[in-house]
Amino acid sequence: MHGPPGQDALKTALTDARKADNGGLNLDMWATVVDRAGIVCAVAYSGDAVDAQWPGSRVISAQKANTANAFSLKGLALSTANLYSATQPGGSLFGLQESNPVNVKSAYAGDTADYGTAGDALKGEKIGGVNVFGGGLALYNDKGEIVGGLGVSGDTSCADHNIAWRARNALKLDFVPAGVSKDKNDAIIYDVKAGHSAGGFGHPACGGKEADVAKTLPASSKVAAAKPE
């Protein structure tokens, strides 16, 4: 897969990722994918009905997808979890979360019964919005090209990150080139103590076993070295 996933692929990846132990509240989820231009490509949910997951998390998942795409580059991926500490008062990116407002008209348009389906009114729209807690990841194909962003919401923000990570891996769009974590990718960094992040890109723990689960997540995929001609 070289571009953003469609509805069926997103729903399958989200549903399977949510079934795994992610350390949080074990709730159903929303997921949104945007392309590199920030246009929504697909929205999905994992439950058996549109109201089986937090209704407010639909737009949050779209914000996360937009954020991860908007603030990642071909050479550096930043997850929404990586932005938490830097956007707090006194942080180097304080105010970033106010910089790109949600497209309210698009966010709440359409029939609620169509939310999370191929007929979701968000599809084809630029949602905007900036979210600065776990659950948003940029998407990179097997050539290392950034093709958009994935946002997941509906559990603790730490579990959201774990679920998004599993879903991105299943979609084979996790060829992350570089990042601020110790593994040089966009993994969540649990280094916040007494309200401060040692490295400036940390995220607080959420009270469950999410940090333990994060240690077991699959490694980011690596772009194959070019063969000599």
C-alpha atoms as a PDB file:
ATOM      1  CA  MET A   1       0.000   0.000   0.000  1.00  0.00           C
ATOM      2  CA  HIS A   2       1.500   3.317  -1.079  1.00  0.00           C
ATOM      3  CA  GLY A   3      -1.285   5.738  -0.148  1.00  0.00           C
ATOM      4  CA  PRO A   4      -3.789   6.246   2.678  1.00  0.00           C
ATOM      5  CA  PRO A   5      -6.117   3.289   3.372  1.00  0.00           C
ATOM      6  CA  GLY A   6      -9.765   3.208   2.424  1.00  0.00           C
ATOM      7  CA  GLN A   7     -12.773   2.559   4.638  1.00  0.00           C
ATOM      8  CA  ASP A   8     -12.636  -1.241   4.737  1.00  0.00           C
ATOM      9  CA  ALA A   9      -8.906  -1.439   5.446  1.00  0.00           C
ATOM     10  CA  LEU A  10      -9.133   1.212   8.179  1.00  0.00           C
ATOM     11  CA  LYS A  11     -12.072  -0.466   9.931  1.00  0.00           C
ATOM     12  CA  THR A  12     -10.363  -3.860   9.873  1.00  0.00           C
ATOM     13  CA  ALA A  13      -7.083  -2.499  11.217  1.00  0.00           C
ATOM     14  CA  LEU A  14      -8.837  -0.487  13.943  1.00  0.00           C
ATOM     15  CA  THR A  15     -11.079  -3.355  15.044  1.00  0.00           C
ATOM     16  CA  ASP A  16      -8.192  -5.804  15.270  1.00  0.00           C
ATOM     17  CA  ALA A  17      -5.976  -3.318  17.106  1.00  0.00           C
ATOM     18  CA  ARG A  18      -8.711  -2.539  19.627  1.00  0.00           C
ATOM     19  CA  LYS A  19      -9.126  -6.254  20.432  1.00  0.00           C
ATOM     20  CA  ALA A  20      -5.539  -6.472  21.702  1.00  0.00           C
ATOM     21  CA  ASP A  21      -4.586  -5.606  25.268  1.00  0.00           C
ATOM     22  CA  ASN A  22      -3.786  -1.904  25.084  1.00  0.00           C
ATOM     23  CA  GLY A  23      -3.588  -1.217  28.806  1.00  0.00           C
ATOM     24  CA  GLY A  24      -6.464   1.244  29.055  1.00  0.00           C
ATOM     25  CA  LEU A  25     -10.214   1.096  29.619  1.00  0.00           C
ATOM     26  CA  ASN A  26     -10.940  -1.486  26.898  1.00  0.00           C
ATOM     27  CA  LEU A  27     -13.392   0.796  25.092  1.00  0.00           C
ATOM     28  CA  ASP A  28     -14.434   0.926  21.461  1.00  0.00           C
ATOM     29  CA  MET A  29     -12.756   3.453  19.225  1.00  0.00           C
ATOM     30  CA  TRP A  30     -12.987   5.928  16.380  1.00  0.00           C
ATOM     31  CA  ALA A  31     -10.316   6.265  13.702  1.00  0.00           C
ATOM     32  CA  THR A  32      -9.796   8.794  10.925  1.00  0.00           C
ATOM     33  CA  VAL A  33      -7.269   8.937   8.096  1.00  0.00           C
ATOM     34  CA  VAL A  34      -6.274  12.076   6.196  1.00  0.00           C
ATOM     35  CA  ASP A  35      -4.075  12.361   3.134  1.00  0.00           C
ATOM     36  CA  ARG A  36      -1.027  14.602   2.868  1.00  0.00           C
ATOM     37  CA  ALA A  37      -3.246  17.557   1.960  1.00  0.00           C
ATOM     38  CA  GLY A  38      -5.216  17.082   5.186  1.00  0.00           C
ATOM     39  CA  ILE A  39      -8.316  15.809   3.396  1.00  0.00           C
ATOM     40  CA  VAL A  40     -10.254  13.073   5.197  1.00  0.00           C
ATOM     41  CA  CYS A  41     -10.060   9.766   3.320  1.00  0.00           C
ATOM     42  CA  ALA A  42     -11.920   7.476   5.725  1.00  0.00           C
ATOM     43  CA  VAL A  43     -13.601   7.383   9.140  1.00  0.00           C
ATOM     44  CA  ALA A  44     -14.377   4.166  11.028  1.00  0.00           C
ATOM     45  CA  TYR A  45     -15.429   2.872  14.415  1.00  0.00           C
ATOM     46  CA  SER A  46     -14.819  -0.475  16.096  1.00  0.00           C
ATOM     47  CA  GLY A  47     -18.096  -1.021  17.967  1.00  0.00           C
ATOM     48  CA  ASP A  48     -21.352  -2.577  16.814  1.00  0.00           C
ATOM     49  CA  ALA A  49     -23.156   0.768  16.498  1.00  0.00           C
ATOM     50  CA  VAL A  50     -22.346   4.437  15.997  1.00  0.00           C
ATOM     51  CA  ASP A  51     -22.966   5.188  19.693  1.00  0.00           C
ATOM     52  CA  ALA A  52     -20.926   2.256  21.032  1.00  0.00           C
ATOM     53  CA  GLN A  53     -17.911   4.558  21.389  1.00  0.00           C
ATOM     54  CA  TRP A  54     -17.693   8.092  22.766  1.00  0.00           C
ATOM     55  CA  PRO A  55     -19.530  10.334  20.262  1.00  0.00           C
ATOM     56  CA  GLY A  56     -17.078  13.171  20.916  1.00  0.00           C
ATOM     57  CA  SER A  57     -14.138  11.029  19.899  1.00  0.00           C
ATOM     58  CA  ARG A  58     -15.033  11.048  16.207  1.00  0.00           C
ATOM     59  CA  VAL A  59     -13.884  14.634  15.736  1.00  0.00           C
ATOM     60  CA  ILE A  60     -10.962  14.122  18.123  1.00  0.00           C
ATOM     61  CA  SER A  61      -9.715  11.225  15.988  1.00  0.00           C
ATOM     62  CA  ALA A  62      -9.872  13.492  12.950  1.00  0.00           C
ATOM     63  CA  GLN A  63      -7.975  16.237  14.799  1.00  0.00           C
ATOM     64  CA  LYS A  64      -5.267  13.748  15.707  1.00  0.00           C
ATOM     65  CA  ALA A  65      -4.924  12.547  12.127  1.00  0.00           C
ATOM     66  CA  ASN A  66      -4.669  16.137  10.930  1.00  0.00           C
ATOM     67  CA  THR A  67      -2.101  17.040  13.595  1.00  0.00           C
ATOM     68  CA  ALA A  68       0.217  14.099  12.990  1.00  0.00           C
ATOM     69  CA  ASN A  69       0.172  14.776   9.259  1.00  0.00           C
ATOM     70  CA  ALA A  70       0.514  18.555   9.610  1.00  0.00           C
ATOM     71  CA  PHE A  71       3.538  18.428  11.905  1.00  0.00           C
ATOM     72  CA  SER A  72       5.473  15.528  10.402  1.00  0.00           C
ATOM     73  CA  LEU A  73       7.835  15.555   7.444  1.00  0.00           C
ATOM     74  CA  LYS A  74       9.559  13.051   5.224  1.00  0.00           C
ATOM     75  CA  GLY A  75      12.564  13.219   7.530  1.00  0.00           C
ATOM     76  CA  LEU A  76      10.913  13.575  10.963  1.00  0.00           C
ATOM     77  CA  ALA A  77       7.736  12.080  12.395  1.00  0.00           C
ATOM     78  CA  LEU A  78       6.000  13.634  15.398  1.00  0.00           C
ATOM     79  CA  SER A  79       3.101  11.800  16.984  1.00  0.00           C
ATOM     80  CA  THR A  80       0.452  13.778  18.836  1.00  0.00           C
ATOM     81  CA  ALA A  81       1.866  12.201  22.008  1.00  0.00           C
ATOM     82  CA  ASN A  82       5.246  13.784  21.238  1.00  0.00           C
ATOM     83  CA  LEU A  83       3.615  17.228  21.234  1.00  0.00           C
ATOM     84  CA  TYR A  84       2.118  17.092  24.733  1.00  0.00           C
ATOM     85  CA  SER A  85       4.923  18.581  26.834  1.00  0.00           C
ATOM     86  CA  ALA A  86       6.114  21.098  24.266  1.00  0.00           C
ATOM     87  CA  THR A  87       2.643  22.649  24.082  1.00  0.00           C
ATOM     88  CA  GLN A  88       2.157  23.112  27.830  1.00  0.00           C
ATOM     89  CA  PRO A  89       2.646  26.584  29.374  1.00  0.00           C
ATOM     90  CA  GLY A  90       6.332  27.389  29.211  1.00  0.00           C
ATOM     91  CA  GLY A  91       6.936  24.747  26.537  1.00  0.00           C
ATOM     92  CA  SER A  92       8.726  25.447  23.282  1.00  0.00           C
ATOM     93  CA  LEU A  93       5.525  24.972  21.230  1.00  0.00           C
ATOM     94  CA  PHE A  94       3.035  26.539  23.651  1.00  0.00           C
ATOM     95  CA  GLY A  95       0.025  27.788  21.676  1.00  0.00           C
ATOM     96  CA  LEU A  96       0.396  25.306  18.837  1.00  0.00           C
ATOM     97  CA  GLN A  97      -2.912  23.711  19.803  1.00  0.00           C
ATOM     98  CA  GLU A  98      -4.677  26.989  18.980  1.00  0.00           C
ATOM     99  CA  SER A  99      -3.028  27.444  15.598  1.00  0.00           C
ATOM    100  CA  ASN A 100      -5.234  25.477  13.179  1.00  0.00           C
ATOM    101  CA  PRO A 101      -8.889  25.474  14.276  1.00  0.00           C
ATOM    102  CA  VAL A 102     -11.276  22.632  13.491  1.00  0.00           C
ATOM    103  CA  ASN A 103     -13.464  23.098  10.442  1.00  0.00           C
ATOM    104  CA  VAL A 104     -16.673  23.150  12.472  1.00  0.00           C
ATOM    105  CA  LYS A 105     -19.003  23.160   9.471  1.00  0.00           C
ATOM    106  CA  SER A 106     -17.508  19.910   8.205  1.00  0.00           C
ATOM    107  CA  ALA A 107     -17.066  18.329  11.637  1.00  0.00           C
ATOM    108  CA  TYR A 108     -20.763  18.224  12.441  1.00  0.00           C
ATOM    109  CA  ALA A 109     -22.283  17.945   8.975  1.00  0.00           C
ATOM    110  CA  GLY A 110     -24.271  14.995   7.721  1.00  0.00           C
ATOM    111  CA  ASP A 111     -26.484  12.329   9.221  1.00  0.00           C
ATOM    112  CA  THR A 112     -25.223  10.857  12.483  1.00  0.00           C
ATOM    113  CA  ALA A 113     -26.229   7.404  11.254  1.00  0.00           C
ATOM    114  CA  ASP A 114     -23.600   7.724   8.512  1.00  0.00           C
ATOM    115  CA  TYR A 115     -20.740   8.585  10.864  1.00  0.00           C
ATOM    116  CA  GLY A 116     -17.928   6.068  10.660  1.00  0.00           C
ATOM    117  CA  THR A 117     -19.155   4.626   7.361  1.00  0.00           C
ATOM    118  CA  ALA A 118     -18.173   5.179   3.740  1.00  0.00           C
ATOM    119  CA  GLY A 119     -20.881   7.880   3.692  1.00  0.00           C
ATOM    120  CA  ASP A 120     -19.441   9.926   6.582  1.00  0.00           C
ATOM    121  CA  ALA A 121     -19.766  13.614   5.708  1.00  0.00           C
ATOM    122  CA  LEU A 122     -16.163  14.211   6.811  1.00  0.00           C
ATOM    123  CA  LYS A 123     -14.871  12.256   3.823  1.00  0.00           C
ATOM    124  CA  GLY A 124     -13.414  14.606   1.230  1.00  0.00           C
ATOM    125  CA  GLU A 125     -13.269  17.530   3.672  1.00  0.00           C
ATOM    126  CA  LYS A 126     -10.360  19.279   5.371  1.00  0.00           C
ATOM    127  CA  ILE A 127     -11.071  18.870   9.078  1.00  0.00           C
ATOM    128  CA  GLY A 128      -8.212  20.933  10.555  1.00  0.00           C
ATOM    129  CA  GLY A 129      -7.671  21.003  14.291  1.00  0.00           C
ATOM    130  CA  VAL A 130      -4.645  20.355  16.488  1.00  0.00           C
ATOM    131  CA  ASN A 131      -4.619  17.725  19.231  1.00  0.00           C
ATOM    132  CA  VAL A 132      -1.677  17.284  21.586  1.00  0.00           C
ATOM    133  CA  PHE A 133      -2.189  13.992  23.403  1.00  0.00           C
ATOM    134  CA  GLY A 134      -1.669  10.391  22.344  1.00  0.00           C
ATOM    135  CA  GLY A 135      -3.432   8.763  19.401  1.00  0.00           C
ATOM    136  CA  GLY A 136      -2.205  10.508  16.245  1.00  0.00           C
ATOM    137  CA  LEU A 137       0.509   9.131  13.947  1.00  0.00           C
ATOM    138  CA  ALA A 138       1.843  10.122  10.542  1.00  0.00           C
ATOM    139  CA  LEU A 139       1.642   7.490   7.802  1.00  0.00           C
ATOM    140  CA  TYR A 140       4.733   6.487   5.812  1.00  0.00           C
ATOM    141  CA  ASN A 141       4.742   4.019   2.926  1.00  0.00           C
ATOM    142  CA  ASP A 142       7.451   1.501   2.138  1.00  0.00           C
ATOM    143  CA  LYS A 143       9.385   4.128   0.201  1.00  0.00           C
ATOM    144  CA  GLY A 144       9.572   6.330   3.294  1.00  0.00           C
ATOM    145  CA  GLU A 145       7.144   8.844   1.792  1.00  0.00           C
ATOM    146  CA  ILE A 146       4.678  10.537   4.114  1.00  0.00           C
ATOM    147  CA  VAL A 147       1.181   9.946   2.759  1.00  0.00           C
ATOM    148  CA  GLY A 148      -1.036  11.328   5.514  1.00  0.00           C
ATOM    149  CA  GLY A 149      -2.024  10.777   9.112  1.00  0.00           C
ATOM    150  CA  LEU A 150      -4.005   8.381  11.308  1.00  0.00           C
ATOM    151  CA  GLY A 151      -5.941   9.461  14.388  1.00  0.00           C
ATOM    152  CA  VAL A 152      -7.504   7.177  16.995  1.00  0.00           C
ATOM    153  CA  SER A 153      -9.693   8.216  19.926  1.00  0.00           C
ATOM    154  CA  GLY A 154     -12.043   6.618  22.440  1.00  0.00           C
ATOM    155  CA  ASP A 155      -9.941   5.290  25.336  1.00  0.00           C
ATOM    156  CA  THR A 156      -7.250   6.834  27.504  1.00  0.00           C
ATOM    157  CA  SER A 157      -4.881   8.891  25.375  1.00  0.00           C
ATOM    158  CA  CYS A 158      -2.082   6.427  26.148  1.00  0.00           C
ATOM    159  CA  ALA A 159      -4.203   3.479  24.983  1.00  0.00           C
ATOM    160  CA  ASP A 160      -5.198   5.507  21.925  1.00  0.00           C
ATOM    161  CA  HIS A 161      -1.511   5.724  21.013  1.00  0.00           C
ATOM    162  CA  ASN A 162      -1.064   1.973  21.408  1.00  0.00           C
ATOM    163  CA  ILE A 163      -4.107   1.217  19.268  1.00  0.00           C
ATOM    164  CA  ALA A 164      -3.034   3.680  16.583  1.00  0.00           C
ATOM    165  CA  TRP A 165       0.435   2.121  16.566  1.00  0.00           C
ATOM    166  CA  ARG A 166      -0.980  -1.382  16.082  1.00  0.00           C
ATOM    167  CA  ALA A 167      -3.370  -0.186  13.367  1.00  0.00           C
ATOM    168  CA  ARG A 168      -0.631   1.643  11.458  1.00  0.00           C
ATOM    169  CA  ASN A 169       1.540  -1.461  11.591  1.00  0.00           C
ATOM    170  CA  ALA A 170      -1.330  -3.598  10.250  1.00  0.00           C
ATOM    171  CA  LEU A 171      -1.829  -1.124   7.415  1.00  0.00           C
ATOM    172  CA  LYS A 172       1.882  -1.392   6.542  1.00  0.00           C
ATOM    173  CA  LEU A 173       2.262   2.372   6.722  1.00  0.00           C
ATOM    174  CA  ASP A 174       4.774   2.523   9.585  1.00  0.00           C
ATOM    175  CA  PHE A 175       8.028   3.068   7.671  1.00  0.00           C
ATOM    176  CA  VAL A 176       8.937   5.928  10.011  1.00  0.00           C
ATOM    177  CA  PRO A 177      12.156   7.689   8.921  1.00  0.00           C
ATOM    178  CA  ALA A 178      13.130   9.425  12.159  1.00  0.00           C
ATOM    179  CA  GLY A 179      11.685  10.787  15.367  1.00  0.00           C
ATOM    180  CA  VAL A 180      12.375  12.168  18.821  1.00  0.00           C
ATOM    181  CA  SER A 181      12.097   8.912  20.781  1.00  0.00           C
ATOM    182  CA  LYS A 182      15.103   6.817  21.839  1.00  0.00           C
ATOM    183  CA  ASP A 183      14.267   4.459  18.983  1.00  0.00           C
ATOM    184  CA  LYS A 184      14.357   7.377  16.529  1.00  0.00           C
ATOM    185  CA  ASN A 185      10.672   7.129  15.718  1.00  0.00           C
ATOM    186  CA  ASP A 186       7.403   8.707  16.908  1.00  0.00           C
ATOM    187  CA  ALA A 187       6.776   6.397  19.860  1.00  0.00           C
ATOM    188  CA  ILE A 188       5.189   7.812  23.010  1.00  0.00           C
ATOM    189  CA  ILE A 189       7.825   8.931  25.532  1.00  0.00           C
ATOM    190  CA  TYR A 190       7.043   8.426  29.218  1.00  0.00           C
ATOM    191  CA  ASP A 191       9.586  10.769  30.805  1.00  0.00           C
ATOM    192  CA  VAL A 192       7.273  13.273  32.536  1.00  0.00           C
ATOM    193  CA  LYS A 193       8.082  13.684  36.225  1.00  0.00           C
ATOM    194  CA  ALA A 194       6.665  16.354  38.517  1.00  0.00           C
ATOM    195  CA  GLY A 195       4.975  17.851  35.472  1.00  0.00           C
ATOM    196  CA  HIS A 196       8.135  18.206  33.401  1.00  0.00           C
ATOM    197  CA  SER A 197       9.509  16.188  30.483  1.00  0.00           C
ATOM    198  CA  ALA A 198      13.236  15.457  30.587  1.00  0.00           C
ATOM    199  CA  GLY A 199      13.548  15.588  26.815  1.00  0.00           C
ATOM    200  CA  GLY A 200      10.810  18.082  26.026  1.00  0.00           C
ATOM    201  CA  PHE A 201       8.614  15.663  24.066  1.00  0.00           C
ATOM    202  CA  GLY A 202       7.217  13.505  26.866  1.00  0.00           C
ATOM    203  CA  HIS A 203       3.669  12.406  27.659  1.00  0.00           C
ATOM    204  CA  PRO A 204       2.261  11.667  31.135  1.00  0.00           C
ATOM    205  CA  ALA A 205       1.199   8.160  32.086  1.00  0.00           C
ATOM    206  CA  CYS A 206      -2.548   7.516  32.103  1.00  0.00           C
ATOM    207  CA  GLY A 207      -2.892   5.330  35.179  1.00  0.00           C
ATOM    208  CA  GLY A 208      -3.316   1.926  33.570  1.00  0.00           C
ATOM    209  CA  LYS A 209      -0.887  -0.517  32.004  1.00  0.00           C
ATOM    210  CA  GLU A 210      -0.496   1.439  28.782  1.00  0.00           C
ATOM    211  CA  ALA A 211       3.209   2.139  29.317  1.00  0.00           C
ATOM    212  CA  ASP A 212       3.908  -1.581  29.814  1.00  0.00           C
ATOM    213  CA  VAL A 213       2.006  -2.401  26.630  1.00  0.00           C
ATOM    214  CA  ALA A 214       3.926   0.266  24.714  1.00  0.00           C
ATOM    215  CA  LYS A 215       7.132  -1.668  25.372  1.00  0.00           C
ATOM    216  CA  THR A 216       5.694  -4.675  23.544  1.00  0.00           C
ATOM    217  CA  LEU A 217       4.504  -2.876  20.397  1.00  0.00           C
ATOM    218  CA  PRO A 218       6.071  -3.862  17.079  1.00  0.00           C
ATOM    219  CA  ALA A 219       9.105  -1.904  15.945  1.00  0.00           C
ATOM    220  CA  SER A 220       8.659   0.601  13.129  1.00  0.00           C
ATOM    221  CA  SER A 221       9.320  -0.848   9.702  1.00  0.00           C
ATOM    222  CA  LYS A 222      12.500   0.071   7.843  1.00  0.00           C
ATOM    223  CA  VAL A 223      12.717   1.244   4.262  1.00  0.00           C
ATOM    224  CA  ALA A 224      14.703  -1.264   2.228  1.00  0.00           C
ATOM    225  CA  ALA A 225      18.095  -0.036   1.099  1.00  0.00           C
ATOM    226  CA  ALA A 226      18.225   0.830  -2.579  1.00  0.00           C
ATOM    227  CA  LYS A 227      19.887  -1.847  -4.676  1.00  0.00           C
ATOM    228  CA  PRO A 228      22.923  -0.711  -6.658  1.00  0.00           C
ATOM    229  CA  GLU A 229      22.272  -0.434 -10.360  1.00  0.00           C
END
